PDB file of N, CA and C in Angstrom:
ATOM      1  N   ARG A   1      39.802 -12.936  27.091  1.00  0.00           N
ATOM      2  CA  ARG A   1      38.866 -12.635  26.028  1.00  0.00           C
ATOM      3  C   ARG A   1      37.738 -11.799  26.618  1.00  0.00           C
ATOM      4  N   SER A   2      37.381 -10.691  25.945  1.00  0.00           N
ATOM      5  CA  SER A   2      36.335  -9.804  26.466  1.00  0.00           C
ATOM      6  C   SER A   2      34.959 -10.241  25.979  1.00  0.00           C
ATOM      7  N   ALA A   3      33.975  -9.829  26.743  1.00  0.00           N
ATOM      8  CA  ALA A   3      32.583 -10.149  26.393  1.00  0.00           C
ATOM      9  C   ALA A   3      32.184  -9.376  25.150  1.00  0.00           C
ATOM     10  N   PRO A   4      31.301  -9.953  24.354  1.00  0.00           N
ATOM     11  CA  PRO A   4      30.847  -9.230  23.155  1.00  0.00           C
ATOM     12  C   PRO A   4      30.154  -7.924  23.545  1.00  0.00           C
ATOM     13  N   VAL A   5      30.344  -6.955  22.714  1.00  0.00           N
ATOM     14  CA  VAL A   5      29.727  -5.644  22.938  1.00  0.00           C
ATOM     15  C   VAL A   5      28.325  -5.671  22.349  1.00  0.00           C
ATOM     16  N   ALA A   6      27.382  -5.244  23.143  1.00  0.00           N
ATOM     17  CA  ALA A   6      25.990  -5.207  22.673  1.00  0.00           C
ATOM     18  C   ALA A   6      25.846  -4.151  21.588  1.00  0.00           C
ATOM     19  N   ALA A   7      25.047  -4.474  20.626  1.00  0.00           N
ATOM     20  CA  ALA A   7      24.773  -3.510  19.555  1.00  0.00           C
ATOM     21  C   ALA A   7      23.995  -2.337  20.131  1.00  0.00           C
ATOM     22  N   PRO A   8      24.277  -1.145  19.638  1.00  0.00           N
ATOM     23  CA  PRO A   8      23.519   0.013  20.132  1.00  0.00           C
ATOM     24  C   PRO A   8      22.050  -0.119  19.742  1.00  0.00           C
ATOM     25  N   PRO A   9      21.181   0.483  20.531  1.00  0.00           N
ATOM     26  CA  PRO A   9      19.757   0.422  20.168  1.00  0.00           C
ATOM     27  C   PRO A   9      19.543   1.068  18.802  1.00  0.00           C
ATOM     28  N   ALA A  10      18.591   0.551  18.102  1.00  0.00           N
ATOM     29  CA  ALA A  10      18.288   1.093  16.775  1.00  0.00           C
ATOM     30  C   ALA A  10      17.896   2.560  16.895  1.00  0.00           C
ATOM     31  N   VAL A  11      18.422   3.337  16.013  1.00  0.00           N
ATOM     32  CA  VAL A  11      18.090   4.758  15.989  1.00  0.00           C
ATOM     33  C   VAL A  11      16.892   4.938  15.069  1.00  0.00           C
ATOM     34  N   ARG A  12      15.869   5.533  15.605  1.00  0.00           N
ATOM     35  CA  ARG A  12      14.667   5.760  14.801  1.00  0.00           C
ATOM     36  C   ARG A  12      14.832   7.046  14.018  1.00  0.00           C
ATOM     37  N   SER A  13      14.428   7.012  12.806  1.00  0.00           N
ATOM     38  CA  SER A  13      14.555   8.193  11.956  1.00  0.00           C
ATOM     39  C   SER A  13      13.584   9.284  12.406  1.00  0.00           C
ATOM     40  N   LEU A  14      13.923  10.481  12.036  1.00  0.00           N
ATOM     41  CA  LEU A  14      13.039  11.610  12.316  1.00  0.00           C
ATOM     42  C   LEU A  14      11.682  11.375  11.668  1.00  0.00           C
ATOM     43  N   SER A  15      11.696  10.837  10.469  1.00  0.00           N
ATOM     44  CA  SER A  15      10.445  10.559   9.761  1.00  0.00           C
ATOM     45  C   SER A  15       9.564   9.593  10.561  1.00  0.00           C
ATOM     46  N   ASP A  16      10.187   8.549  11.117  1.00  0.00           N
ATOM     47  CA  ASP A  16       9.419   7.593  11.931  1.00  0.00           C
ATOM     48  C   ASP A  16       8.856   8.254  13.180  1.00  0.00           C
ATOM     49  N   ARG A  17       9.662   9.084  13.815  1.00  0.00           N
ATOM     50  CA  ARG A  17       9.193   9.762  15.033  1.00  0.00           C
ATOM     51  C   ARG A  17       8.058  10.729  14.715  1.00  0.00           C
ATOM     52  N   LEU A  18       8.155  11.433  13.585  1.00  0.00           N
ATOM     53  CA  LEU A  18       7.078  12.351  13.197  1.00  0.00           C
ATOM     54  C   LEU A  18       5.799  11.584  12.878  1.00  0.00           C
ATOM     55  N   ALA A  19       5.941  10.449  12.210  1.00  0.00           N
ATOM     56  CA  ALA A  19       4.765   9.628  11.896  1.00  0.00           C
ATOM     57  C   ALA A  19       4.103   9.138  13.180  1.00  0.00           C
ATOM     58  N   ASP A  20       4.909   8.697  14.151  1.00  0.00           N
ATOM     59  CA  ASP A  20       4.349   8.256  15.432  1.00  0.00           C
ATOM     60  C   ASP A  20       3.630   9.394  16.144  1.00  0.00           C
ATOM     61  N   ALA A  21       4.246  10.564  16.140  1.00  0.00           N
ATOM     62  CA  ALA A  21       3.622  11.726  16.784  1.00  0.00           C
ATOM     63  C   ALA A  21       2.310  12.070  16.098  1.00  0.00           C
ATOM     64  N   SER A  22       2.301  11.991  14.778  1.00  0.00           N
ATOM     65  CA  SER A  22       1.085  12.299  14.030  1.00  0.00           C
ATOM     66  C   SER A  22      -0.018  11.295  14.357  1.00  0.00           C
ATOM     67  N   ARG A  23       0.337  10.019  14.401  1.00  0.00           N
ATOM     68  CA  ARG A  23      -0.660   8.990  14.756  1.00  0.00           C
ATOM     69  C   ARG A  23      -1.221   9.240  16.149  1.00  0.00           C
ATOM     70  N   GLY A  24      -0.389   9.669  17.065  1.00  0.00           N
ATOM     71  CA  GLY A  24      -0.843   9.921  18.426  1.00  0.00           C
ATOM     72  C   GLY A  24      -1.691  11.169  18.563  1.00  0.00           C
ATOM     73  N   GLU A  25      -1.374  12.190  17.794  1.00  0.00           N
ATOM     74  CA  GLU A  25      -2.051  13.488  17.912  1.00  0.00           C
ATOM     75  C   GLU A  25      -3.315  13.575  17.057  1.00  0.00           C
ATOM     76  N   THR A  26      -3.365  12.829  15.971  1.00  0.00           N
ATOM     77  CA  THR A  26      -4.469  12.948  15.019  1.00  0.00           C
ATOM     78  C   THR A  26      -5.845  12.695  15.629  1.00  0.00           C
ATOM     79  N   PRO A  27      -6.042  11.674  16.453  1.00  0.00           N
ATOM     80  CA  PRO A  27      -7.388  11.471  17.021  1.00  0.00           C
ATOM     81  C   PRO A  27      -7.898  12.687  17.799  1.00  0.00           C
ATOM     82  N   ARG A  28      -7.025  13.327  18.572  1.00  0.00           N
ATOM     83  CA  ARG A  28      -7.446  14.515  19.327  1.00  0.00           C
ATOM     84  C   ARG A  28      -7.778  15.660  18.376  1.00  0.00           C
ATOM     85  N   LEU A  29      -6.942  15.863  17.365  1.00  0.00           N
ATOM     86  CA  LEU A  29      -7.211  16.934  16.405  1.00  0.00           C
ATOM     87  C   LEU A  29      -8.525  16.693  15.669  1.00  0.00           C
ATOM     88  N   LEU A  30      -8.772  15.450  15.282  1.00  0.00           N
ATOM     89  CA  LEU A  30     -10.024  15.138  14.582  1.00  0.00           C
ATOM     90  C   LEU A  30     -11.235  15.364  15.476  1.00  0.00           C
ATOM     91  N   ALA A  31     -11.126  15.002  16.738  1.00  0.00           N
ATOM     92  CA  ALA A  31     -12.239  15.235  17.668  1.00  0.00           C
ATOM     93  C   ALA A  31     -12.489  16.730  17.830  1.00  0.00           C
ATOM     94  N   ASP A  32     -11.413  17.504  17.980  1.00  0.00           N
ATOM     95  CA  ASP A  32     -11.553  18.960  18.107  1.00  0.00           C
ATOM     96  C   ASP A  32     -12.125  19.566  16.832  1.00  0.00           C
ATOM     97  N   LEU A  33     -11.655  19.082  15.688  1.00  0.00           N
ATOM     98  CA  LEU A  33     -12.137  19.604  14.410  1.00  0.00           C
ATOM     99  C   LEU A  33     -13.603  19.247  14.201  1.00  0.00           C
ATOM    100  N   SER A  34     -13.976  18.035  14.534  1.00  0.00           N
ATOM    101  CA  SER A  34     -15.373  17.620  14.418  1.00  0.00           C
ATOM    102  C   SER A  34     -16.277  18.504  15.270  1.00  0.00           C
ATOM    103  N   ASP A  35     -15.822  18.801  16.478  1.00  0.00           N
ATOM    104  CA  ASP A  35     -16.578  19.671  17.378  1.00  0.00           C
ATOM    105  C   ASP A  35     -16.708  21.078  16.790  1.00  0.00           C
ATOM    106  N   ALA A  36     -15.611  21.616  16.279  1.00  0.00           N
ATOM    107  CA  ALA A  36     -15.643  22.962  15.694  1.00  0.00           C
ATOM    108  C   ALA A  36     -16.581  23.009  14.490  1.00  0.00           C
ATOM    109  N   ILE A  37     -16.543  21.977  13.665  1.00  0.00           N
ATOM    110  CA  ILE A  37     -17.407  21.936  12.484  1.00  0.00           C
ATOM    111  C   ILE A  37     -18.868  21.816  12.905  1.00  0.00           C
ATOM    112  N   ALA A  38     -19.154  20.973  13.880  1.00  0.00           N
ATOM    113  CA  ALA A  38     -20.534  20.817  14.361  1.00  0.00           C
ATOM    114  C   ALA A  38     -21.083  22.132  14.895  1.00  0.00           C
ATOM    115  N   GLN A  39     -20.216  22.939  15.504  1.00  0.00           N
ATOM    116  CA  GLN A  39     -20.629  24.236  16.049  1.00  0.00           C
ATOM    117  C   GLN A  39     -20.552  25.358  15.010  1.00  0.00           C
ATOM    118  N   ARG A  40     -20.120  25.020  13.814  1.00  0.00           N
ATOM    119  CA  ARG A  40     -19.915  26.007  12.736  1.00  0.00           C
ATOM    120  C   ARG A  40     -18.967  27.125  13.203  1.00  0.00           C
ATOM    121  N   ASP A  41     -17.957  26.717  13.971  1.00  0.00           N
ATOM    122  CA  ASP A  41     -16.924  27.640  14.437  1.00  0.00           C
ATOM    123  C   ASP A  41     -15.827  27.651  13.374  1.00  0.00           C
ATOM    124  N   PHE A  42     -16.048  28.474  12.350  1.00  0.00           N
ATOM    125  CA  PHE A  42     -15.156  28.501  11.192  1.00  0.00           C
ATOM    126  C   PHE A  42     -13.721  28.854  11.564  1.00  0.00           C
ATOM    127  N   ALA A  43     -13.538  29.825  12.448  1.00  0.00           N
ATOM    128  CA  ALA A  43     -12.180  30.258  12.808  1.00  0.00           C
ATOM    129  C   ALA A  43     -11.420  29.127  13.506  1.00  0.00           C
ATOM    130  N   ARG A  44     -12.070  28.467  14.430  1.00  0.00           N
ATOM    131  CA  ARG A  44     -11.417  27.361  15.146  1.00  0.00           C
ATOM    132  C   ARG A  44     -11.140  26.194  14.206  1.00  0.00           C
ATOM    133  N   ALA A  45     -12.097  25.875  13.356  1.00  0.00           N
ATOM    134  CA  ALA A  45     -11.905  24.785  12.398  1.00  0.00           C
ATOM    135  C   ALA A  45     -10.749  25.099  11.451  1.00  0.00           C
ATOM    136  N   ALA A  46     -10.639  26.352  11.022  1.00  0.00           N
ATOM    137  CA  ALA A  46      -9.538  26.743  10.130  1.00  0.00           C
ATOM    138  C   ALA A  46      -8.194  26.573  10.829  1.00  0.00           C
ATOM    139  N   ARG A  47      -8.106  26.956  12.098  1.00  0.00           N
ATOM    140  CA  ARG A  47      -6.842  26.805  12.847  1.00  0.00           C
ATOM    141  C   ARG A  47      -6.444  25.337  12.969  1.00  0.00           C
ATOM    142  N   ILE A  48      -7.412  24.494  13.277  1.00  0.00           N
ATOM    143  CA  ILE A  48      -7.118  23.066  13.429  1.00  0.00           C
ATOM    144  C   ILE A  48      -6.727  22.467  12.083  1.00  0.00           C
ATOM    145  N   ALA A  49      -7.450  22.824  11.032  1.00  0.00           N
ATOM    146  CA  ALA A  49      -7.110  22.330   9.694  1.00  0.00           C
ATOM    147  C   ALA A  49      -5.700  22.775   9.310  1.00  0.00           C
ATOM    148  N   HIS A  50      -5.343  24.000   9.673  1.00  0.00           N
ATOM    149  CA  HIS A  50      -3.996  24.505   9.393  1.00  0.00           C
ATOM    150  C   HIS A  50      -2.944  23.654  10.112  1.00  0.00           C
ATOM    151  N   ASN A  51      -3.211  23.294  11.364  1.00  0.00           N
ATOM    152  CA  ASN A  51      -2.282  22.435  12.113  1.00  0.00           C
ATOM    153  C   ASN A  51      -2.137  21.067  11.452  1.00  0.00           C
ATOM    154  N   ILE A  52      -3.252  20.510  11.015  1.00  0.00           N
ATOM    155  CA  ILE A  52      -3.214  19.205  10.346  1.00  0.00           C
ATOM    156  C   ILE A  52      -2.438  19.314   9.042  1.00  0.00           C
ATOM    157  N   LYS A  53      -2.641  20.403   8.315  1.00  0.00           N
ATOM    158  CA  LYS A  53      -1.920  20.611   7.054  1.00  0.00           C
ATOM    159  C   LYS A  53      -0.413  20.611   7.297  1.00  0.00           C
ATOM    160  N   GLY A  54       0.027  21.328   8.312  1.00  0.00           N
ATOM    161  CA  GLY A  54       1.454  21.363   8.623  1.00  0.00           C
ATOM    162  C   GLY A  54       1.994  19.995   8.986  1.00  0.00           C
ATOM    163  N   SER A  55       1.261  19.270   9.800  1.00  0.00           N
ATOM    164  CA  SER A  55       1.682  17.918  10.180  1.00  0.00           C
ATOM    165  C   SER A  55       1.742  17.006   8.964  1.00  0.00           C
ATOM    166  N   ALA A  56       0.777  17.154   8.073  1.00  0.00           N
ATOM    167  CA  ALA A  56       0.738  16.317   6.872  1.00  0.00           C
ATOM    168  C   ALA A  56       1.962  16.550   5.996  1.00  0.00           C
ATOM    169  N   TYR A  57       2.416  17.787   5.895  1.00  0.00           N
ATOM    170  CA  TYR A  57       3.632  18.060   5.124  1.00  0.00           C
ATOM    171  C   TYR A  57       4.838  17.375   5.764  1.00  0.00           C
ATOM    172  N   TYR A  58       4.908  17.391   7.094  1.00  0.00           N
ATOM    173  CA  TYR A  58       6.032  16.748   7.783  1.00  0.00           C
ATOM    174  C   TYR A  58       6.082  15.250   7.541  1.00  0.00           C
ATOM    175  N   ILE A  59       4.924  14.624   7.420  1.00  0.00           N
ATOM    176  CA  ILE A  59       4.889  13.171   7.217  1.00  0.00           C
ATOM    177  C   ILE A  59       4.760  12.811   5.738  1.00  0.00           C
ATOM    178  N   HIS A  60       4.896  13.791   4.877  1.00  0.00           N
ATOM    179  CA  HIS A  60       4.893  13.598   3.416  1.00  0.00           C
ATOM    180  C   HIS A  60       3.582  13.006   2.903  1.00  0.00           C
ATOM    181  N   SER A  61       2.470  13.483   3.450  1.00  0.00           N
ATOM    182  CA  SER A  61       1.158  13.048   2.971  1.00  0.00           C
ATOM    183  C   SER A  61       0.508  14.208   2.224  1.00  0.00           C
ATOM    184  N   ASP A  62       0.819  14.294   0.936  1.00  0.00           N
ATOM    185  CA  ASP A  62       0.271  15.386   0.132  1.00  0.00           C
ATOM    186  C   ASP A  62      -1.253  15.375   0.063  1.00  0.00           C
ATOM    187  N   PRO A  63      -1.903  14.205  -0.077  1.00  0.00           N
ATOM    188  CA  PRO A  63      -3.374  14.231  -0.107  1.00  0.00           C
ATOM    189  C   PRO A  63      -3.968  14.818   1.178  1.00  0.00           C
ATOM    190  N   MET A  64      -3.411  14.438   2.325  1.00  0.00           N
ATOM    191  CA  MET A  64      -3.907  14.964   3.589  1.00  0.00           C
ATOM    192  C   MET A  64      -3.651  16.467   3.673  1.00  0.00           C
ATOM    193  N   ALA A  65      -2.468  16.894   3.259  1.00  0.00           N
ATOM    194  CA  ALA A  65      -2.140  18.324   3.289  1.00  0.00           C
ATOM    195  C   ALA A  65      -3.069  19.107   2.367  1.00  0.00           C
ATOM    196  N   ASP A  66      -3.323  18.566   1.175  1.00  0.00           N
ATOM    197  CA  ASP A  66      -4.215  19.248   0.227  1.00  0.00           C
ATOM    198  C   ASP A  66      -5.633  19.348   0.779  1.00  0.00           C
ATOM    199  N   ASP A  67      -6.134  18.258   1.354  1.00  0.00           N
ATOM    200  CA  ASP A  67      -7.494  18.269   1.901  1.00  0.00           C
ATOM    201  C   ASP A  67      -7.605  19.209   3.099  1.00  0.00           C
ATOM    202  N   ALA A  68      -6.586  19.202   3.955  1.00  0.00           N
ATOM    203  CA  ALA A  68      -6.601  20.109   5.110  1.00  0.00           C
ATOM    204  C   ALA A  68      -6.522  21.559   4.649  1.00  0.00           C
ATOM    205  N   GLY A  69      -5.706  21.829   3.627  1.00  0.00           N
ATOM    206  CA  GLY A  69      -5.608  23.186   3.091  1.00  0.00           C
ATOM    207  C   GLY A  69      -6.916  23.649   2.472  1.00  0.00           C
ATOM    208  N   ALA A  70      -7.589  22.745   1.754  1.00  0.00           N
ATOM    209  CA  ALA A  70      -8.880  23.094   1.154  1.00  0.00           C
ATOM    210  C   ALA A  70      -9.925  23.341   2.239  1.00  0.00           C
ATOM    211  N   LEU A  71      -9.880  22.548   3.299  1.00  0.00           N
ATOM    212  CA  LEU A  71     -10.801  22.754   4.419  1.00  0.00           C
ATOM    213  C   LEU A  71     -10.520  24.090   5.095  1.00  0.00           C
ATOM    214  N   GLU A  72      -9.257  24.393   5.304  1.00  0.00           N
ATOM    215  CA  GLU A  72      -8.887  25.676   5.906  1.00  0.00           C
ATOM    216  C   GLU A  72      -9.404  26.841   5.058  1.00  0.00           C
ATOM    217  N   ALA A  73      -9.226  26.751   3.738  1.00  0.00           N
ATOM    218  CA  ALA A  73      -9.686  27.815   2.842  1.00  0.00           C
ATOM    219  C   ALA A  73     -11.205  27.955   2.885  1.00  0.00           C
ATOM    220  N   ALA A  74     -11.915  26.827   2.903  1.00  0.00           N
ATOM    221  CA  ALA A  74     -13.380  26.876   2.971  1.00  0.00           C
ATOM    222  C   ALA A  74     -13.833  27.522   4.276  1.00  0.00           C
ATOM    223  N   CYS A  75     -13.169  27.186   5.359  1.00  0.00           N
ATOM    224  CA  CYS A  75     -13.512  27.786   6.655  1.00  0.00           C
ATOM    225  C   CYS A  75     -13.225  29.280   6.650  1.00  0.00           C
ATOM    226  N   ASP A  76     -12.073  29.659   6.109  1.00  0.00           N
ATOM    227  CA  ASP A  76     -11.721  31.080   6.031  1.00  0.00           C
ATOM    228  C   ASP A  76     -12.736  31.861   5.206  1.00  0.00           C
ATOM    229  N   ALA A  77     -13.316  31.206   4.192  1.00  0.00           N
ATOM    230  CA  ALA A  77     -14.295  31.858   3.322  1.00  0.00           C
ATOM    231  C   ALA A  77     -15.711  31.794   3.887  1.00  0.00           C
ATOM    232  N   GLY A  78     -15.901  31.064   4.990  1.00  0.00           N
ATOM    233  CA  GLY A  78     -17.248  30.909   5.538  1.00  0.00           C
ATOM    234  C   GLY A  78     -18.137  30.060   4.648  1.00  0.00           C
ATOM    235  N   ASP A  79     -17.526  29.169   3.879  1.00  0.00           N
ATOM    236  CA  ASP A  79     -18.230  28.320   2.919  1.00  0.00           C
ATOM    237  C   ASP A  79     -18.672  27.034   3.617  1.00  0.00           C
ATOM    238  N   ASP A  80     -19.912  27.020   4.091  1.00  0.00           N
ATOM    239  CA  ASP A  80     -20.430  25.890   4.853  1.00  0.00           C
ATOM    240  C   ASP A  80     -20.416  24.602   4.038  1.00  0.00           C
ATOM    241  N   ALA A  81     -20.911  24.650   2.808  1.00  0.00           N
ATOM    242  CA  ALA A  81     -20.948  23.449   1.969  1.00  0.00           C
ATOM    243  C   ALA A  81     -19.532  22.965   1.664  1.00  0.00           C
ATOM    244  N   GLY A  82     -18.641  23.897   1.358  1.00  0.00           N
ATOM    245  CA  GLY A  82     -17.250  23.537   1.091  1.00  0.00           C
ATOM    246  C   GLY A  82     -16.582  22.944   2.317  1.00  0.00           C
ATOM    247  N   MET A  83     -16.888  23.507   3.477  1.00  0.00           N
ATOM    248  CA  MET A  83     -16.320  22.992   4.715  1.00  0.00           C
ATOM    249  C   MET A  83     -16.721  21.530   4.906  1.00  0.00           C
ATOM    250  N   LEU A  84     -17.987  21.237   4.715  1.00  0.00           N
ATOM    251  CA  LEU A  84     -18.461  19.865   4.898  1.00  0.00           C
ATOM    252  C   LEU A  84     -17.860  18.925   3.853  1.00  0.00           C
ATOM    253  N   ARG A  85     -17.760  19.381   2.613  1.00  0.00           N
ATOM    254  CA  ARG A  85     -17.188  18.559   1.539  1.00  0.00           C
ATOM    255  C   ARG A  85     -15.714  18.237   1.832  1.00  0.00           C
ATOM    256  N   HIS A  86     -14.956  19.265   2.194  1.00  0.00           N
ATOM    257  CA  HIS A  86     -13.527  19.062   2.440  1.00  0.00           C
ATOM    258  C   HIS A  86     -13.274  18.324   3.754  1.00  0.00           C
ATOM    259  N   TRP A  87     -14.174  18.457   4.710  1.00  0.00           N
ATOM    260  CA  TRP A  87     -14.084  17.699   5.954  1.00  0.00           C
ATOM    261  C   TRP A  87     -14.175  16.207   5.643  1.00  0.00           C
ATOM    262  N   GLY A  88     -15.116  15.835   4.790  1.00  0.00           N
ATOM    263  CA  GLY A  88     -15.244  14.431   4.388  1.00  0.00           C
ATOM    264  C   GLY A  88     -14.002  13.926   3.674  1.00  0.00           C
ATOM    265  N   ALA A  89     -13.478  14.745   2.761  1.00  0.00           N
ATOM    266  CA  ALA A  89     -12.269  14.351   2.030  1.00  0.00           C
ATOM    267  C   ALA A  89     -11.078  14.214   2.973  1.00  0.00           C
ATOM    268  N   LEU A  90     -10.965  15.127   3.930  1.00  0.00           N
ATOM    269  CA  LEU A  90      -9.856  15.062   4.883  1.00  0.00           C
ATOM    270  C   LEU A  90      -9.940  13.794   5.729  1.00  0.00           C
ATOM    271  N   GLN A  91     -11.129  13.450   6.166  1.00  0.00           N
ATOM    272  CA  GLN A  91     -11.281  12.222   6.955  1.00  0.00           C
ATOM    273  C   GLN A  91     -10.824  11.004   6.153  1.00  0.00           C
ATOM    274  N   GLU A  92     -11.157  10.983   4.863  1.00  0.00           N
ATOM    275  CA  GLU A  92     -10.743   9.865   4.009  1.00  0.00           C
ATOM    276  C   GLU A  92      -9.232   9.816   3.843  1.00  0.00           C
ATOM    277  N   SER A  93      -8.611  10.969   3.593  1.00  0.00           N
ATOM    278  CA  SER A  93      -7.161  10.956   3.386  1.00  0.00           C
ATOM    279  C   SER A  93      -6.426  10.602   4.676  1.00  0.00           C
ATOM    280  N   ILE A  94      -6.962  11.018   5.817  1.00  0.00           N
ATOM    281  CA  ILE A  94      -6.351  10.636   7.095  1.00  0.00           C
ATOM    282  C   ILE A  94      -6.509   9.134   7.315  1.00  0.00           C
ATOM    283  N   ASP A  95      -7.697   8.604   7.044  1.00  0.00           N
ATOM    284  CA  ASP A  95      -7.910   7.158   7.185  1.00  0.00           C
ATOM    285  C   ASP A  95      -6.956   6.383   6.279  1.00  0.00           C
ATOM    286  N   ASP A  96      -6.790   6.857   5.044  1.00  0.00           N
ATOM    287  CA  ASP A  96      -5.882   6.193   4.103  1.00  0.00           C
ATOM    288  C   ASP A  96      -4.453   6.183   4.644  1.00  0.00           C
ATOM    289  N   TRP A  97      -4.008   7.331   5.162  1.00  0.00           N
ATOM    290  CA  TRP A  97      -2.640   7.415   5.684  1.00  0.00           C
ATOM    291  C   TRP A  97      -2.474   6.526   6.912  1.00  0.00           C
ATOM    292  N   MET A  98      -3.452   6.569   7.819  1.00  0.00           N
ATOM    293  CA  MET A  98      -3.362   5.768   9.044  1.00  0.00           C
ATOM    294  C   MET A  98      -3.333   4.270   8.707  1.00  0.00           C
ATOM    295  N   THR A  99      -4.109   3.861   7.722  1.00  0.00           N
ATOM    296  CA  THR A  99      -4.132   2.457   7.320  1.00  0.00           C
ATOM    297  C   THR A  99      -2.795   2.039   6.709  1.00  0.00           C
ATOM    298  N   ALA A 100      -2.203   2.925   5.925  1.00  0.00           N
ATOM    299  CA  ALA A 100      -0.942   2.611   5.247  1.00  0.00           C
ATOM    300  C   ALA A 100       0.266   2.669   6.178  1.00  0.00           C
ATOM    301  N   HIS A 101       0.112   3.385   7.294  1.00  0.00           N
ATOM    302  CA  HIS A 101       1.270   3.550   8.186  1.00  0.00           C
ATOM    303  C   HIS A 101       0.930   3.056   9.561  1.00  0.00           C
TER     304      HIS A 101
END
């Protein structure tokens, strides 16, 4: 009689791996974005917001993607008040996603 065969390790879905990567990368992106916003570096803030928007689409977080896109647009337009407003909204949508996942 042969020994039982061990079950293969669980395969993690691409969605799970992307969510883990996003959780790991988000704190650094937020710190960089906060720094860019504090310095009123619109071009850098727009690039970071664009990266967050792309990541948000991968993890199926439409609110985060929408807020990051609005922040990117405000930065591209040089809209200081809009940048600050959308920065606050983005922080909330990221917090909501992180809490839920």
